[in-house]
Each structure stands twice: as C-alpha cells, then as structure tokens.
C-alpha cells in the first residue's frame, strides 16, 4: 500500500514531519495568544487618550520641567479646541 510496512520513512521525511508539526503547533499557540490578547479588557490599543488624561500628562510634564508655562498654556488651549 503506502509503504508503511516497509519502513519507507527516511530521515528527510521525519525531519519534514517534525518541522511541519512545529509550524502547526506554533500557529495554534500563537492564535490562542492573539485571541486572548484581543478579547482581554484593557489590552486593546484605543485611539488617542481622553482629554482629561491628556491634560494630566501635560500637568506632569510641567511638573517635571519638560515644558514651560507658556507651552503648557498653548497646549491646553489646543486641547480645549479639539473635538472630543
């Protein structure tokens, strides 16, 4: 029939089978990880952060000295004009 009784599987066939099984299980595990990551709350990357969060980031940058008061005022004004 297919040569099972004659031992026609040589080293190349075994290597190909092992590599294909490795690829198959890698895809299965990767798919499960992707699904869990996609449906887990809080892991999805949303669009731009909410305006309140953005203002908090500005306050923190001002407190750290990364921006000065003039730049803080300018950016705050830009945020107040931005649609929500």
PDB file of N, CA and C in Angstrom:
ATOM      1  N   UNK A   1       0.824  -1.181   0.000  1.00  0.00           N
ATOM      2  CA  UNK A   1       0.000   0.000   0.000  1.00  0.00           C
ATOM      3  C   UNK A   1       0.871   1.249   0.000  1.00  0.00           C
ATOM      4  N   UNK A   2       0.900   1.948   1.105  1.00  0.00           N
ATOM      5  CA  UNK A   2       1.648   3.201   1.162  1.00  0.00           C
ATOM      6  C   UNK A   2       3.076   2.997   1.648  1.00  0.00           C
ATOM      7  N   UNK A   3       3.476   1.794   1.835  1.00  0.00           N
ATOM      8  CA  UNK A   3       4.838   1.533   2.253  1.00  0.00           C
ATOM      9  C   UNK A   3       5.033   1.582   3.757  1.00  0.00           C
ATOM     10  N   UNK A   4       3.970   1.531   4.526  1.00  0.00           N
ATOM     11  CA  UNK A   4       4.124   1.594   5.985  1.00  0.00           C
ATOM     12  C   UNK A   4       4.841   0.365   6.514  1.00  0.00           C
ATOM     13  N   UNK A   5       4.550  -0.750   5.933  1.00  0.00           N
ATOM     14  CA  UNK A   5       5.151  -1.986   6.440  1.00  0.00           C
ATOM     15  C   UNK A   5       6.600  -2.151   6.009  1.00  0.00           C
ATOM     16  N   UNK A   6       7.047  -1.358   5.054  1.00  0.00           N
ATOM     17  CA  UNK A   6       8.411  -1.479   4.562  1.00  0.00           C
ATOM     18  C   UNK A   6       9.360  -0.455   5.192  1.00  0.00           C
ATOM     19  N   UNK A   7       8.868   0.430   5.999  1.00  0.00           N
ATOM     20  CA  UNK A   7       9.740   1.407   6.628  1.00  0.00           C
ATOM     21  C   UNK A   7      10.300   2.395   5.632  1.00  0.00           C
ATOM     22  N   UNK A   8       9.439   2.956   4.801  1.00  0.00           N
ATOM     23  CA  UNK A   8       9.923   3.849   3.758  1.00  0.00           C
ATOM     24  C   UNK A   8      10.161   5.281   4.252  1.00  0.00           C
ATOM     25  N   UNK A   9      10.024   5.516   5.532  1.00  0.00           N
ATOM     26  CA  UNK A   9      10.264   6.864   6.073  1.00  0.00           C
ATOM     27  C   UNK A   9      11.755   7.024   6.331  1.00  0.00           C
ATOM     28  N   UNK A  10      12.379   7.886   5.567  1.00  0.00           N
ATOM     29  CA  UNK A  10      13.792   8.133   5.790  1.00  0.00           C
ATOM     30  C   UNK A  10      13.966   9.382   6.661  1.00  0.00           C
ATOM     31  N   UNK A  11      15.188   9.784   6.881  1.00  0.00           N
ATOM     32  CA  UNK A  11      15.470  10.916   7.779  1.00  0.00           C
ATOM     33  C   UNK A  11      14.856  12.214   7.261  1.00  0.00           C
ATOM     34  N   UNK A  12      14.832  12.410   5.955  1.00  0.00           N
ATOM     35  CA  UNK A  12      14.245  13.621   5.386  1.00  0.00           C
ATOM     36  C   UNK A  12      12.751  13.723   5.647  1.00  0.00           C
ATOM     37  N   UNK A  13      12.068  12.586   5.544  1.00  0.00           N
ATOM     38  CA  UNK A  13      10.628  12.581   5.818  1.00  0.00           C
ATOM     39  C   UNK A  13      10.349  12.892   7.285  1.00  0.00           C
ATOM     40  N   UNK A  14      11.128  12.312   8.181  1.00  0.00           N
ATOM     41  CA  UNK A  14      10.948  12.576   9.605  1.00  0.00           C
ATOM     42  C   UNK A  14      11.234  14.044   9.929  1.00  0.00           C
ATOM     43  N   UNK A  15      12.259  14.591   9.325  1.00  0.00           N
ATOM     44  CA  UNK A  15      12.593  15.993   9.555  1.00  0.00           C
ATOM     45  C   UNK A  15      11.475  16.905   9.053  1.00  0.00           C
ATOM     46  N   UNK A  16      10.951  16.616   7.873  1.00  0.00           N
ATOM     47  CA  UNK A  16       9.850  17.413   7.329  1.00  0.00           C
ATOM     48  C   UNK A  16       8.622  17.320   8.225  1.00  0.00           C
ATOM     49  N   UNK A  17       8.314  16.119   8.717  1.00  0.00           N
ATOM     50  CA  UNK A  17       7.167  15.936   9.593  1.00  0.00           C
ATOM     51  C   UNK A  17       7.354  16.724  10.894  1.00  0.00           C
ATOM     52  N   UNK A  18       8.520  16.671  11.468  1.00  0.00           N
ATOM     53  CA  UNK A  18       8.785  17.391  12.717  1.00  0.00           C
ATOM     54  C   UNK A  18       8.684  18.901  12.512  1.00  0.00           C
ATOM     55  N   UNK A  19       9.217  19.407  11.418  1.00  0.00           N
ATOM     56  CA  UNK A  19       9.141  20.844  11.145  1.00  0.00           C
ATOM     57  C   UNK A  19       7.697  21.289  10.914  1.00  0.00           C
ATOM     58  N   UNK A  20       6.923  20.479  10.197  1.00  0.00           N
ATOM     59  CA  UNK A  20       5.526  20.838   9.956  1.00  0.00           C
ATOM     60  C   UNK A  20       4.722  20.818  11.260  1.00  0.00           C
ATOM     61  N   UNK A  21       4.997  19.867  12.138  1.00  0.00           N
ATOM     62  CA  UNK A  21       4.315  19.832  13.427  1.00  0.00           C
ATOM     63  C   UNK A  21       4.702  21.045  14.270  1.00  0.00           C
ATOM     64  N   UNK A  22       5.957  21.445  14.206  1.00  0.00           N
ATOM     65  CA  UNK A  22       6.404  22.633  14.925  1.00  0.00           C
ATOM     66  C   UNK A  22       5.695  23.881  14.399  1.00  0.00           C
ATOM     67  N   UNK A  23       5.577  24.002  13.094  1.00  0.00           N
ATOM     68  CA  UNK A  23       4.873  25.138  12.497  1.00  0.00           C
ATOM     69  C   UNK A  23       3.399  25.099  12.888  1.00  0.00           C
ATOM     70  N   UNK A  24       2.775  23.940  12.807  1.00  0.00           N
ATOM     71  CA  UNK A  24       1.359  23.796  13.150  1.00  0.00           C
ATOM     72  C   UNK A  24       1.087  24.219  14.587  1.00  0.00           C
ATOM     73  N   UNK A  25       1.844  23.681  15.541  1.00  0.00           N
ATOM     74  CA  UNK A  25       1.598  23.994  16.943  1.00  0.00           C
ATOM     75  C   UNK A  25       1.971  25.442  17.273  1.00  0.00           C
ATOM     76  N   UNK A  26       2.950  25.991  16.576  1.00  0.00           N
ATOM     77  CA  UNK A  26       3.280  27.406  16.771  1.00  0.00           C
ATOM     78  C   UNK A  26       2.111  28.291  16.339  1.00  0.00           C
ATOM     79  N   UNK A  27       1.484  27.942  15.212  1.00  0.00           N
ATOM     80  CA  UNK A  27       0.325  28.698  14.750  1.00  0.00           C
ATOM     81  C   UNK A  27      -0.858  28.551  15.709  1.00  0.00           C
ATOM     82  N   UNK A  28      -1.067  27.352  16.233  1.00  0.00           N
ATOM     83  CA  UNK A  28      -2.167  27.141  17.179  1.00  0.00           C
ATOM     84  C   UNK A  28      -1.942  27.966  18.446  1.00  0.00           C
ATOM     85  N   UNK A  29      -0.765  27.874  19.030  1.00  0.00           N
ATOM     86  CA  UNK A  29      -0.467  28.609  20.263  1.00  0.00           C
ATOM     87  C   UNK A  29      -0.484  30.115  20.001  1.00  0.00           C
ATOM     88  N   UNK A  30       0.085  30.558  18.890  1.00  0.00           N
ATOM     89  CA  UNK A  30       0.063  31.979  18.551  1.00  0.00           C
ATOM     90  C   UNK A  30      -1.352  32.492  18.351  1.00  0.00           C
ATOM     91  N   UNK A  31      -2.194  31.691  17.716  1.00  0.00           N
ATOM     92  CA  UNK A  31      -3.594  32.081  17.533  1.00  0.00           C
ATOM     93  C   UNK A  31      -4.334  32.207  18.847  1.00  0.00           C
ATOM     94  N   UNK A  32      -4.092  31.282  19.758  1.00  0.00           N
ATOM     95  CA  UNK A  32      -4.736  31.351  21.074  1.00  0.00           C
ATOM     96  C   UNK A  32      -4.262  32.588  21.830  1.00  0.00           C
ATOM     97  N   UNK A  33      -2.980  32.863  21.794  1.00  0.00           N
ATOM     98  CA  UNK A  33      -2.447  34.052  22.473  1.00  0.00           C
ATOM     99  C   UNK A  33      -3.041  35.313  21.865  1.00  0.00           C
ATOM    100  N   UNK A  34      -3.137  35.365  20.539  1.00  0.00           N
ATOM    101  CA  UNK A  34      -3.706  36.543  19.879  1.00  0.00           C
ATOM    102  C   UNK A  34      -5.170  36.728  20.255  1.00  0.00           C
ATOM    103  N   UNK A  35      -5.936  35.644  20.321  1.00  0.00           N
ATOM    104  CA  UNK A  35      -7.341  35.748  20.706  1.00  0.00           C
ATOM    105  C   UNK A  35      -7.497  36.208  22.156  1.00  0.00           C
ATOM    106  N   UNK A  36      -6.701  35.651  23.040  1.00  0.00           N
ATOM    107  CA  UNK A  36      -6.780  36.066  24.448  1.00  0.00           C
ATOM    108  C   UNK A  36      -6.402  37.533  24.580  1.00  0.00           C
ATOM    109  N   UNK A  37      -5.363  37.950  23.886  1.00  0.00           N
ATOM    110  CA  UNK A  37      -4.934  39.344  23.946  1.00  0.00           C
ATOM    111  C   UNK A  37      -5.989  40.270  23.363  1.00  0.00           C
ATOM    112  N   UNK A  38      -6.627  39.851  22.293  1.00  0.00           N
ATOM    113  CA  UNK A  38      -7.628  40.693  21.627  1.00  0.00           C
ATOM    114  C   UNK A  38      -8.876  40.867  22.486  1.00  0.00           C
ATOM    115  N   UNK A  39      -9.309  39.805  23.158  1.00  0.00           N
ATOM    116  CA  UNK A  39     -10.551  39.865  23.922  1.00  0.00           C
ATOM    117  C   UNK A  39     -10.350  40.195  25.395  1.00  0.00           C
ATOM    118  N   UNK A  40      -9.123  40.382  25.842  1.00  0.00           N
ATOM    119  CA  UNK A  40      -8.876  40.766  27.230  1.00  0.00           C
ATOM    120  C   UNK A  40      -9.158  42.249  27.406  1.00  0.00           C
ATOM    121  N   UNK A  41      -9.850  42.617  28.483  1.00  0.00           N
ATOM    122  CA  UNK A  41     -10.116  44.039  28.694  1.00  0.00           C
ATOM    123  C   UNK A  41      -8.839  44.785  29.062  1.00  0.00           C
ATOM    124  N   UNK A  42      -8.719  45.984  28.531  1.00  0.00           N
ATOM    125  CA  UNK A  42      -7.594  46.842  28.872  1.00  0.00           C
ATOM    126  C   UNK A  42      -6.331  46.605  28.081  1.00  0.00           C
ATOM    127  N   UNK A  43      -6.330  45.653  27.155  1.00  0.00           N
ATOM    128  CA  UNK A  43      -5.118  45.410  26.392  1.00  0.00           C
ATOM    129  C   UNK A  43      -5.205  45.972  24.981  1.00  0.00           C
ATOM    130  N   UNK A  44      -6.389  46.359  24.594  1.00  0.00           N
ATOM    131  CA  UNK A  44      -6.562  46.884  23.249  1.00  0.00           C
ATOM    132  C   UNK A  44      -6.044  48.303  23.175  1.00  0.00           C
ATOM    133  N   UNK A  45      -5.367  48.629  22.104  1.00  0.00           N
ATOM    134  CA  UNK A  45      -4.877  49.984  21.911  1.00  0.00           C
ATOM    135  C   UNK A  45      -6.003  50.818  21.336  1.00  0.00           C
ATOM    136  N   UNK A  46      -6.454  51.759  22.103  1.00  0.00           N
ATOM    137  CA  UNK A  46      -7.515  52.642  21.633  1.00  0.00           C
ATOM    138  C   UNK A  46      -6.884  53.808  20.889  1.00  0.00           C
ATOM    139  N   UNK A  47      -7.721  54.665  20.386  1.00  0.00           N
ATOM    140  CA  UNK A  47      -7.249  55.842  19.681  1.00  0.00           C
ATOM    141  C   UNK A  47      -6.522  56.775  20.634  1.00  0.00           C
ATOM    142  N   UNK A  48      -6.603  58.048  20.384  1.00  0.00           N
ATOM    143  CA  UNK A  48      -5.920  58.997  21.254  1.00  0.00           C
ATOM    144  C   UNK A  48      -6.505  58.960  22.666  1.00  0.00           C
ATOM    145  N   UNK A  49      -5.698  59.263  23.657  1.00  0.00           N
ATOM    146  CA  UNK A  49      -6.202  59.224  25.024  1.00  0.00           C
ATOM    147  C   UNK A  49      -7.265  60.280  25.246  1.00  0.00           C
ATOM    148  N   UNK A  50      -8.067  60.060  26.258  1.00  0.00           N
ATOM    149  CA  UNK A  50      -9.131  61.009  26.583  1.00  0.00           C
ATOM    150  C   UNK A  50      -8.532  62.361  26.942  1.00  0.00           C
ATOM    151  N   UNK A  51      -9.324  63.400  26.799  1.00  0.00           N
ATOM    152  CA  UNK A  51      -8.835  64.756  27.030  1.00  0.00           C
ATOM    153  C   UNK A  51      -8.340  64.934  28.463  1.00  0.00           C
ATOM    154  N   UNK A  52      -9.051  64.370  29.436  1.00  0.00           N
ATOM    155  CA  UNK A  52      -8.617  64.507  30.828  1.00  0.00           C
ATOM    156  C   UNK A  52      -7.253  63.851  31.038  1.00  0.00           C
ATOM    157  N   UNK A  53      -7.045  62.702  30.432  1.00  0.00           N
ATOM    158  CA  UNK A  53      -5.744  62.038  30.537  1.00  0.00           C
ATOM    159  C   UNK A  53      -4.651  62.883  29.893  1.00  0.00           C
ATOM    160  N   UNK A  54      -4.992  63.509  28.780  1.00  0.00           N
ATOM    161  CA  UNK A  54      -4.017  64.344  28.089  1.00  0.00           C
ATOM    162  C   UNK A  54      -3.652  65.549  28.939  1.00  0.00           C
ATOM    163  N   UNK A  55      -4.623  66.134  29.565  1.00  0.00           N
ATOM    164  CA  UNK A  55      -4.339  67.272  30.451  1.00  0.00           C
ATOM    165  C   UNK A  55      -3.476  66.835  31.637  1.00  0.00           C
ATOM    166  N   UNK A  56      -3.720  65.642  32.129  1.00  0.00           N
ATOM    167  CA  UNK A  56      -2.908  65.138  33.236  1.00  0.00           C
ATOM    168  C   UNK A  56      -1.458  64.933  32.792  1.00  0.00           C
ATOM    169  N   UNK A  57      -1.276  64.448  31.574  1.00  0.00           N
ATOM    170  CA  UNK A  57       0.078  64.288  31.038  1.00  0.00           C
ATOM    171  C   UNK A  57       0.759  65.650  30.929  1.00  0.00           C
ATOM    172  N   UNK A  58       0.004  66.646  30.466  1.00  0.00           N
ATOM    173  CA  UNK A  58       0.572  67.998  30.385  1.00  0.00           C
ATOM    174  C   UNK A  58       0.980  68.506  31.766  1.00  0.00           C
ATOM    175  N   UNK A  59       0.116  68.272  32.750  1.00  0.00           N
ATOM    176  CA  UNK A  59       0.447  68.715  34.120  1.00  0.00           C
ATOM    177  C   UNK A  59       1.712  68.038  34.625  1.00  0.00           C
ATOM    178  N   UNK A  60       1.829  66.745  34.351  1.00  0.00           N
ATOM    179  CA  UNK A  60       3.025  66.017  34.791  1.00  0.00           C
ATOM    180  C   UNK A  60       4.277  66.522  34.092  1.00  0.00           C
ATOM    181  N   UNK A  61       4.165  66.803  32.791  1.00  0.00           N
ATOM    182  CA  UNK A  61       5.319  67.332  32.055  1.00  0.00           C
ATOM    183  C   UNK A  61       5.728  68.700  32.578  1.00  0.00           C
ATOM    184  N   UNK A  62       4.741  69.514  32.941  1.00  0.00           N
ATOM    185  CA  UNK A  62       5.038  70.820  33.518  1.00  0.00           C
ATOM    186  C   UNK A  62       5.726  70.651  34.874  1.00  0.00           C
ATOM    187  N   UNK A  63       5.226  69.720  35.678  1.00  0.00           N
ATOM    188  CA  UNK A  63       5.812  69.488  36.998  1.00  0.00           C
ATOM    189  C   UNK A  63       7.248  68.967  36.897  1.00  0.00           C
ATOM    190  N   UNK A  64       7.521  68.165  35.885  1.00  0.00           N
ATOM    191  CA  UNK A  64       8.869  67.624  35.707  1.00  0.00           C
ATOM    192  C   UNK A  64       9.815  68.637  35.074  1.00  0.00           C
ATOM    193  N   UNK A  65       9.264  69.713  34.545  1.00  0.00           N
ATOM    194  CA  UNK A  65      10.100  70.711  33.903  1.00  0.00           C
ATOM    195  C   UNK A  65      10.379  70.433  32.437  1.00  0.00           C
ATOM    196  N   UNK A  66       9.646  69.494  31.853  1.00  0.00           N
ATOM    197  CA  UNK A  66       9.853  69.179  30.445  1.00  0.00           C
ATOM    198  C   UNK A  66       9.313  70.278  29.536  1.00  0.00           C
ATOM    199  N   UNK A  67       8.269  70.959  29.994  1.00  0.00           N
ATOM    200  CA  UNK A  67       7.713  72.091  29.247  1.00  0.00           C
ATOM    201  C   UNK A  67       7.588  73.274  30.201  1.00  0.00           C
ATOM    202  N   UNK A  68       7.559  74.479  29.641  1.00  0.00           N
ATOM    203  CA  UNK A  68       7.404  75.657  30.490  1.00  0.00           C
ATOM    204  C   UNK A  68       5.924  76.063  30.523  1.00  0.00           C
ATOM    205  N   UNK A  69       5.625  77.117  31.305  1.00  0.00           N
ATOM    206  CA  UNK A  69       4.236  77.525  31.486  1.00  0.00           C
ATOM    207  C   UNK A  69       3.609  78.038  30.193  1.00  0.00           C
ATOM    208  N   UNK A  70       4.400  78.696  29.362  1.00  0.00           N
ATOM    209  CA  UNK A  70       3.868  79.213  28.095  1.00  0.00           C
ATOM    210  C   UNK A  70       3.457  78.057  27.183  1.00  0.00           C
ATOM    211  N   UNK A  71       4.296  77.035  27.093  1.00  0.00           N
ATOM    212  CA  UNK A  71       3.959  75.892  26.254  1.00  0.00           C
ATOM    213  C   UNK A  71       2.776  75.122  26.837  1.00  0.00           C
ATOM    214  N   UNK A  72       2.714  75.026  28.176  1.00  0.00           N
ATOM    215  CA  UNK A  72       1.579  74.379  28.831  1.00  0.00           C
ATOM    216  C   UNK A  72       0.284  75.102  28.486  1.00  0.00           C
ATOM    217  N   UNK A  73       0.305  76.444  28.557  1.00  0.00           N
ATOM    218  CA  UNK A  73      -0.889  77.224  28.245  1.00  0.00           C
ATOM    219  C   UNK A  73      -1.296  77.040  26.780  1.00  0.00           C
ATOM    220  N   UNK A  74      -0.303  77.046  25.897  1.00  0.00           N
ATOM    221  CA  UNK A  74      -0.585  76.887  24.464  1.00  0.00           C
ATOM    222  C   UNK A  74      -1.194  75.512  24.184  1.00  0.00           C
ATOM    223  N   UNK A  75      -0.618  74.464  24.752  1.00  0.00           N
ATOM    224  CA  UNK A  75      -1.129  73.112  24.529  1.00  0.00           C
ATOM    225  C   UNK A  75      -2.492  72.907  25.179  1.00  0.00           C
ATOM    226  N   UNK A  76      -2.715  73.516  26.317  1.00  0.00           N
ATOM    227  CA  UNK A  76      -4.016  73.438  26.969  1.00  0.00           C
ATOM    228  C   UNK A  76      -5.100  74.082  26.105  1.00  0.00           C
ATOM    229  N   UNK A  77      -4.741  75.189  25.474  1.00  0.00           N
ATOM    230  CA  UNK A  77      -5.683  75.880  24.607  1.00  0.00           C
ATOM    231  C   UNK A  77      -6.009  75.020  23.381  1.00  0.00           C
ATOM    232  N   UNK A  78      -4.993  74.388  22.831  1.00  0.00           N
ATOM    233  CA  UNK A  78      -5.207  73.498  21.693  1.00  0.00           C
ATOM    234  C   UNK A  78      -6.141  72.347  22.077  1.00  0.00           C
ATOM    235  N   UNK A  79      -5.932  71.808  23.272  1.00  0.00           N
ATOM    236  CA  UNK A  79      -6.777  70.709  23.730  1.00  0.00           C
ATOM    237  C   UNK A  79      -8.219  71.155  23.950  1.00  0.00           C
ATOM    238  N   UNK A  80      -8.404  72.367  24.426  1.00  0.00           N
ATOM    239  CA  UNK A  80      -9.769  72.843  24.678  1.00  0.00           C
ATOM    240  C   UNK A  80     -10.531  73.048  23.371  1.00  0.00           C
ATOM    241  N   UNK A  81      -9.821  73.306  22.276  1.00  0.00           N
ATOM    242  CA  UNK A  81     -10.462  73.493  20.975  1.00  0.00           C
ATOM    243  C   UNK A  81     -10.679  72.168  20.241  1.00  0.00           C
ATOM    244  N   UNK A  82      -9.986  71.123  20.656  1.00  0.00           N
ATOM    245  CA  UNK A  82     -10.070  69.834  19.971  1.00  0.00           C
ATOM    246  C   UNK A  82     -11.433  69.191  20.214  1.00  0.00           C
ATOM    247  N   UNK A  83     -12.014  68.576  19.177  1.00  0.00           N
ATOM    248  CA  UNK A  83     -13.296  67.878  19.386  1.00  0.00           C
ATOM    249  C   UNK A  83     -13.086  66.658  20.264  1.00  0.00           C
ATOM    250  N   UNK A  84     -14.080  66.325  21.020  1.00  0.00           N
ATOM    251  CA  UNK A  84     -13.981  65.170  21.928  1.00  0.00           C
ATOM    252  C   UNK A  84     -14.445  63.920  21.266  1.00  0.00           C
TER     253      UNK A  84
END
